[in-house]
């Protein structure tokens, strides 16, 4: 599967509702994009700092791998795909932050993650 297709599929799953597996896959793809494209532009460095922090706090135990080709060149289409994916992931965390079944600390972690993911997406704009 091509990278842009994988980001679209995960974005659709995230938009459909609470899907923790899709969220873990989205974090994986975001980090793969950062790994392969950082150094080309400092925007990817800022992006990576935000996404890595979210992964470390909320996805440390998740070992999800998405089988897709990695992006080999930075460009508007890849950036748009990653921004869209990360925005859908931020919306997922917004929903989790509003879930009354989670404790206050968990909801605050999800709220902070949503904000960080939006900063990450903005770095690629």
N, C-alpha and C. Protein backbone atom coordinates (compact mmCIF):
# COMPACT_ATOMS: atom_id res chain seq x y z
N UNK A 1 0.85 -1.17 0.00
CA UNK A 1 0.00 0.00 0.00
C UNK A 1 0.90 1.24 0.00
N UNK A 2 0.53 2.21 -0.77
CA UNK A 2 1.28 3.47 -0.81
C UNK A 2 1.05 4.25 0.47
N UNK A 3 2.01 5.09 0.83
CA UNK A 3 1.95 5.83 2.09
C UNK A 3 0.70 6.73 2.15
N UNK A 4 0.43 7.47 1.09
CA UNK A 4 -0.73 8.38 1.09
C UNK A 4 -2.04 7.59 1.22
N UNK A 5 -2.11 6.42 0.61
CA UNK A 5 -3.30 5.57 0.74
C UNK A 5 -3.47 5.08 2.18
N UNK A 6 -2.37 4.72 2.81
CA UNK A 6 -2.43 4.26 4.20
C UNK A 6 -2.88 5.38 5.13
N UNK A 7 -2.39 6.60 4.89
CA UNK A 7 -2.82 7.72 5.73
C UNK A 7 -4.31 7.99 5.53
N UNK A 8 -4.79 7.87 4.31
CA UNK A 8 -6.22 8.08 4.05
C UNK A 8 -7.08 7.02 4.72
N UNK A 9 -6.64 5.78 4.66
CA UNK A 9 -7.41 4.69 5.28
C UNK A 9 -7.48 4.87 6.79
N UNK A 10 -6.36 5.22 7.41
CA UNK A 10 -6.37 5.42 8.86
C UNK A 10 -7.17 6.66 9.24
N UNK A 11 -7.09 7.71 8.44
CA UNK A 11 -7.88 8.92 8.71
C UNK A 11 -9.37 8.60 8.69
N UNK A 12 -9.79 7.78 7.73
CA UNK A 12 -11.20 7.40 7.63
C UNK A 12 -11.62 6.58 8.85
N UNK A 13 -10.77 5.66 9.29
CA UNK A 13 -11.09 4.87 10.48
C UNK A 13 -11.18 5.74 11.72
N UNK A 14 -10.28 6.71 11.84
CA UNK A 14 -10.33 7.62 12.99
C UNK A 14 -11.58 8.50 12.95
N UNK A 15 -11.96 8.94 11.77
CA UNK A 15 -13.15 9.78 11.63
C UNK A 15 -14.43 9.01 11.96
N UNK A 16 -14.40 7.70 11.77
CA UNK A 16 -15.58 6.87 12.00
C UNK A 16 -15.88 6.68 13.49
N UNK A 17 -14.92 6.96 14.35
CA UNK A 17 -15.19 6.81 15.78
C UNK A 17 -13.99 6.32 16.54
N UNK A 18 -14.21 5.98 17.79
CA UNK A 18 -13.11 5.55 18.65
C UNK A 18 -12.50 4.26 18.14
N UNK A 19 -11.28 4.37 17.66
CA UNK A 19 -10.56 3.23 17.11
C UNK A 19 -9.12 3.34 17.59
N UNK A 20 -8.84 2.75 18.74
CA UNK A 20 -7.50 2.86 19.32
C UNK A 20 -6.43 2.21 18.46
N UNK A 21 -6.80 1.17 17.72
CA UNK A 21 -5.84 0.53 16.82
C UNK A 21 -5.46 1.47 15.68
N UNK A 22 -6.45 2.16 15.12
CA UNK A 22 -6.16 3.13 14.07
C UNK A 22 -5.32 4.29 14.62
N UNK A 23 -5.58 4.68 15.86
CA UNK A 23 -4.81 5.76 16.47
C UNK A 23 -3.34 5.34 16.62
N UNK A 24 -3.10 4.13 17.07
CA UNK A 24 -1.73 3.64 17.19
C UNK A 24 -1.06 3.54 15.82
N UNK A 25 -1.83 3.13 14.82
CA UNK A 25 -1.29 3.08 13.46
C UNK A 25 -0.96 4.47 12.93
N UNK A 26 -1.79 5.44 13.28
CA UNK A 26 -1.55 6.82 12.84
C UNK A 26 -0.26 7.37 13.46
N UNK A 27 -0.06 7.09 14.75
CA UNK A 27 1.19 7.52 15.40
C UNK A 27 2.38 6.87 14.71
N UNK A 28 2.25 5.59 14.39
CA UNK A 28 3.34 4.88 13.71
C UNK A 28 3.66 5.54 12.36
N UNK A 29 2.64 5.83 11.56
CA UNK A 29 2.88 6.45 10.25
C UNK A 29 3.47 7.84 10.39
N UNK A 30 2.99 8.61 11.35
CA UNK A 30 3.53 9.95 11.55
C UNK A 30 5.01 9.89 11.89
N UNK A 31 5.38 8.95 12.74
CA UNK A 31 6.78 8.82 13.12
C UNK A 31 7.63 8.31 11.96
N UNK A 32 7.08 7.40 11.17
CA UNK A 32 7.81 6.93 9.98
C UNK A 32 8.06 8.08 9.01
N UNK A 33 7.07 8.93 8.82
CA UNK A 33 7.25 10.09 7.94
C UNK A 33 8.36 10.97 8.49
N UNK A 34 8.32 11.24 9.80
CA UNK A 34 9.34 12.07 10.42
C UNK A 34 10.74 11.44 10.26
N UNK A 35 10.84 10.14 10.52
CA UNK A 35 12.14 9.46 10.42
C UNK A 35 12.74 9.59 9.03
N UNK A 36 11.90 9.47 8.02
CA UNK A 36 12.42 9.45 6.65
C UNK A 36 12.54 10.83 6.02
N UNK A 37 11.88 11.82 6.59
CA UNK A 37 11.89 13.14 5.97
C UNK A 37 12.56 14.22 6.80
N UNK A 38 12.89 13.91 8.06
CA UNK A 38 13.56 14.92 8.88
C UNK A 38 14.94 15.18 8.28
N UNK A 39 15.39 16.36 8.47
CA UNK A 39 16.66 16.75 7.87
C UNK A 39 16.45 17.48 6.57
N UNK A 40 15.36 17.19 5.87
CA UNK A 40 15.05 17.89 4.62
C UNK A 40 14.57 19.30 4.91
N UNK A 41 13.93 19.48 6.08
CA UNK A 41 13.36 20.77 6.44
C UNK A 41 13.17 20.77 7.95
N UNK A 42 13.46 21.87 8.61
CA UNK A 42 13.35 21.93 10.07
C UNK A 42 11.91 21.78 10.55
N UNK A 43 10.94 21.98 9.69
CA UNK A 43 9.54 21.79 10.08
C UNK A 43 9.32 20.35 10.55
N UNK A 44 9.99 19.41 9.91
CA UNK A 44 9.85 18.00 10.31
C UNK A 44 10.42 17.76 11.71
N UNK A 45 11.45 18.53 12.08
CA UNK A 45 12.02 18.40 13.42
C UNK A 45 11.00 18.82 14.48
N UNK A 46 10.34 19.96 14.26
CA UNK A 46 9.31 20.41 15.20
C UNK A 46 8.16 19.40 15.24
N UNK A 47 7.76 18.93 14.09
CA UNK A 47 6.71 17.92 13.99
C UNK A 47 7.09 16.69 14.83
N UNK A 48 8.30 16.21 14.64
CA UNK A 48 8.76 15.02 15.33
C UNK A 48 8.78 15.18 16.84
N UNK A 49 9.21 16.33 17.33
CA UNK A 49 9.25 16.55 18.78
C UNK A 49 7.86 16.41 19.40
N UNK A 50 6.86 16.99 18.74
CA UNK A 50 5.49 16.93 19.28
C UNK A 50 4.94 15.50 19.21
N UNK A 51 5.12 14.85 18.08
CA UNK A 51 4.55 13.51 17.90
C UNK A 51 5.26 12.48 18.79
N UNK A 52 6.57 12.60 18.92
CA UNK A 52 7.29 11.66 19.78
C UNK A 52 6.87 11.80 21.24
N UNK A 53 6.59 13.02 21.68
CA UNK A 53 6.14 13.21 23.05
C UNK A 53 4.77 12.56 23.27
N UNK A 54 3.87 12.74 22.31
CA UNK A 54 2.55 12.11 22.42
C UNK A 54 2.70 10.59 22.46
N UNK A 55 3.52 10.07 21.57
CA UNK A 55 3.73 8.61 21.56
C UNK A 55 4.28 8.12 22.89
N UNK A 56 5.25 8.81 23.42
CA UNK A 56 5.86 8.40 24.68
C UNK A 56 4.89 8.40 25.85
N UNK A 57 3.97 9.35 25.87
CA UNK A 57 3.03 9.44 26.98
C UNK A 57 1.82 8.53 26.83
N UNK A 58 1.34 8.35 25.60
CA UNK A 58 0.07 7.63 25.41
C UNK A 58 0.16 6.34 24.62
N UNK A 59 1.26 6.12 23.92
CA UNK A 59 1.34 4.94 23.06
C UNK A 59 2.58 4.09 23.35
N UNK A 60 3.15 4.24 24.53
CA UNK A 60 4.38 3.54 24.86
C UNK A 60 4.30 2.03 24.74
N UNK A 61 3.16 1.45 25.11
CA UNK A 61 3.02 -0.01 25.10
C UNK A 61 2.45 -0.54 23.79
N UNK A 62 1.98 0.33 22.93
CA UNK A 62 1.38 -0.11 21.67
C UNK A 62 2.48 -0.42 20.66
N UNK A 63 2.41 -1.59 20.09
CA UNK A 63 3.41 -2.01 19.12
C UNK A 63 2.70 -2.30 17.80
N UNK A 64 2.15 -1.26 17.20
CA UNK A 64 1.41 -1.39 15.95
C UNK A 64 2.30 -0.95 14.81
N UNK A 65 2.35 -1.75 13.77
CA UNK A 65 3.13 -1.41 12.58
C UNK A 65 2.19 -1.45 11.38
N UNK A 66 2.28 -0.42 10.56
CA UNK A 66 1.47 -0.34 9.35
C UNK A 66 2.37 -0.72 8.18
N UNK A 67 1.95 -1.71 7.43
CA UNK A 67 2.75 -2.21 6.31
C UNK A 67 2.51 -1.32 5.09
N UNK A 68 3.42 -0.40 4.88
CA UNK A 68 3.30 0.53 3.76
C UNK A 68 4.68 1.01 3.35
N UNK A 69 4.77 1.48 2.14
CA UNK A 69 6.01 2.09 1.69
C UNK A 69 6.19 3.40 2.45
N UNK A 70 7.42 3.74 2.77
CA UNK A 70 7.68 4.99 3.46
C UNK A 70 7.86 6.11 2.44
N UNK A 71 7.52 7.33 2.84
CA UNK A 71 7.72 8.44 1.89
C UNK A 71 9.22 8.65 1.67
N UNK A 72 9.60 8.86 0.43
CA UNK A 72 11.02 9.02 0.14
C UNK A 72 11.40 10.46 -0.17
N UNK A 73 10.40 11.33 -0.32
CA UNK A 73 10.70 12.73 -0.61
C UNK A 73 9.62 13.62 0.00
N UNK A 74 10.07 14.72 0.56
CA UNK A 74 9.17 15.71 1.13
C UNK A 74 8.48 16.45 -0.02
N UNK A 75 7.21 16.74 0.15
CA UNK A 75 6.49 17.48 -0.88
C UNK A 75 5.10 17.83 -0.38
N UNK A 76 4.41 18.67 -1.12
CA UNK A 76 3.08 19.12 -0.69
C UNK A 76 2.08 17.99 -0.48
N UNK A 77 2.11 16.98 -1.33
CA UNK A 77 1.14 15.88 -1.21
C UNK A 77 1.39 15.06 0.06
N UNK A 78 2.64 14.76 0.34
CA UNK A 78 2.97 13.99 1.55
C UNK A 78 2.65 14.81 2.79
N UNK A 79 3.03 16.08 2.77
CA UNK A 79 2.74 16.93 3.93
C UNK A 79 1.23 17.03 4.18
N UNK A 80 0.46 17.19 3.12
CA UNK A 80 -1.00 17.27 3.27
C UNK A 80 -1.56 15.98 3.83
N UNK A 81 -1.06 14.84 3.36
CA UNK A 81 -1.54 13.55 3.86
C UNK A 81 -1.21 13.38 5.34
N UNK A 82 -0.01 13.75 5.73
CA UNK A 82 0.40 13.61 7.14
C UNK A 82 -0.37 14.61 8.00
N UNK A 83 -0.54 15.83 7.53
CA UNK A 83 -1.32 16.82 8.30
C UNK A 83 -2.74 16.34 8.52
N UNK A 84 -3.37 15.80 7.47
CA UNK A 84 -4.74 15.30 7.59
C UNK A 84 -4.81 14.15 8.59
N UNK A 85 -3.88 13.24 8.50
CA UNK A 85 -3.84 12.11 9.43
C UNK A 85 -3.69 12.59 10.87
N UNK A 86 -2.77 13.51 11.09
CA UNK A 86 -2.52 14.00 12.44
C UNK A 86 -3.71 14.81 12.96
N UNK A 87 -4.39 15.53 12.09
CA UNK A 87 -5.59 16.25 12.51
C UNK A 87 -6.70 15.28 12.92
N UNK A 88 -6.86 14.21 12.18
CA UNK A 88 -7.85 13.19 12.58
C UNK A 88 -7.46 12.53 13.90
N UNK A 89 -6.18 12.34 14.10
CA UNK A 89 -5.71 11.79 15.37
C UNK A 89 -5.98 12.77 16.51
N UNK A 90 -5.80 14.05 16.26
CA UNK A 90 -6.11 15.06 17.27
C UNK A 90 -7.60 15.04 17.62
N UNK A 91 -8.44 14.87 16.63
CA UNK A 91 -9.87 14.78 16.88
C UNK A 91 -10.21 13.54 17.70
N UNK A 92 -9.52 12.44 17.43
CA UNK A 92 -9.69 11.22 18.23
C UNK A 92 -9.38 11.52 19.70
N UNK A 93 -8.30 12.24 19.93
CA UNK A 93 -7.93 12.56 21.31
C UNK A 93 -8.89 13.58 21.92
N UNK A 94 -9.45 14.46 21.12
CA UNK A 94 -10.51 15.36 21.62
C UNK A 94 -11.69 14.55 22.14
N UNK A 95 -12.09 13.55 21.37
CA UNK A 95 -13.21 12.70 21.80
C UNK A 95 -12.86 11.95 23.09
N UNK A 96 -11.65 11.44 23.16
CA UNK A 96 -11.22 10.73 24.37
C UNK A 96 -11.16 11.67 25.57
N UNK A 97 -10.78 12.93 25.34
CA UNK A 97 -10.72 13.90 26.43
C UNK A 97 -12.10 14.23 26.98
N UNK A 98 -13.12 14.05 26.15
CA UNK A 98 -14.49 14.35 26.57
C UNK A 98 -15.22 13.13 27.11
N UNK A 99 -14.58 11.97 27.12
CA UNK A 99 -15.22 10.74 27.57
C UNK A 99 -15.32 10.72 29.10
N UNK A 100 -16.54 10.78 29.62
CA UNK A 100 -16.70 10.82 31.08
C UNK A 100 -16.33 9.51 31.78
N UNK A 101 -16.10 8.44 31.03
CA UNK A 101 -15.73 7.16 31.63
C UNK A 101 -14.26 7.10 32.03
N UNK A 102 -13.46 7.99 31.45
CA UNK A 102 -12.04 8.04 31.81
C UNK A 102 -11.86 8.96 33.01
N UNK A 103 -10.79 8.76 33.74
CA UNK A 103 -10.48 9.62 34.88
C UNK A 103 -9.97 10.97 34.41
N UNK A 104 -9.91 11.91 35.33
CA UNK A 104 -9.49 13.27 35.00
C UNK A 104 -8.08 13.29 34.41
N UNK A 105 -7.16 12.57 35.01
CA UNK A 105 -5.77 12.57 34.51
C UNK A 105 -5.71 12.06 33.07
N UNK A 106 -6.45 11.01 32.76
CA UNK A 106 -6.46 10.48 31.39
C UNK A 106 -7.07 11.48 30.42
N UNK A 107 -8.16 12.12 30.83
CA UNK A 107 -8.79 13.11 29.95
C UNK A 107 -7.85 14.29 29.69
N UNK A 108 -7.13 14.71 30.72
CA UNK A 108 -6.17 15.81 30.54
C UNK A 108 -5.02 15.40 29.62
N UNK A 109 -4.57 14.16 29.74
CA UNK A 109 -3.52 13.66 28.83
C UNK A 109 -4.00 13.68 27.38
N UNK A 110 -5.23 13.26 27.16
CA UNK A 110 -5.78 13.26 25.80
C UNK A 110 -5.96 14.68 25.27
N UNK A 111 -6.38 15.59 26.13
CA UNK A 111 -6.53 16.99 25.72
C UNK A 111 -5.17 17.58 25.34
N UNK A 112 -4.16 17.31 26.14
CA UNK A 112 -2.81 17.79 25.84
C UNK A 112 -2.30 17.18 24.54
N UNK A 113 -2.58 15.91 24.32
CA UNK A 113 -2.15 15.24 23.09
C UNK A 113 -2.80 15.89 21.88
N UNK A 114 -4.08 16.20 21.97
CA UNK A 114 -4.77 16.85 20.85
C UNK A 114 -4.12 18.19 20.52
N UNK A 115 -3.76 18.95 21.54
CA UNK A 115 -3.12 20.24 21.31
C UNK A 115 -1.74 20.07 20.67
N UNK A 116 -0.97 19.09 21.18
CA UNK A 116 0.35 18.85 20.62
C UNK A 116 0.26 18.38 19.16
N UNK A 117 -0.69 17.53 18.87
CA UNK A 117 -0.83 17.03 17.51
C UNK A 117 -1.21 18.16 16.56
N UNK A 118 -2.01 19.10 17.02
CA UNK A 118 -2.34 20.25 16.18
C UNK A 118 -1.12 21.14 15.94
N UNK A 119 -0.28 21.28 16.96
CA UNK A 119 0.97 22.02 16.75
C UNK A 119 1.87 21.30 15.75
N UNK A 120 1.90 19.97 15.84
CA UNK A 120 2.70 19.19 14.89
C UNK A 120 2.20 19.41 13.47
N UNK A 121 0.88 19.33 13.29
CA UNK A 121 0.32 19.53 11.95
C UNK A 121 0.59 20.94 11.45
N UNK A 122 0.50 21.93 12.33
CA UNK A 122 0.75 23.32 11.94
C UNK A 122 2.21 23.52 11.51
N UNK A 123 3.13 22.76 12.10
CA UNK A 123 4.54 22.88 11.72
C UNK A 123 4.77 22.50 10.26
N UNK A 124 3.92 21.64 9.73
CA UNK A 124 4.09 21.20 8.34
C UNK A 124 3.34 22.07 7.34
N UNK A 125 2.60 23.06 7.84
CA UNK A 125 1.81 23.92 6.93
C UNK A 125 2.70 24.85 6.14
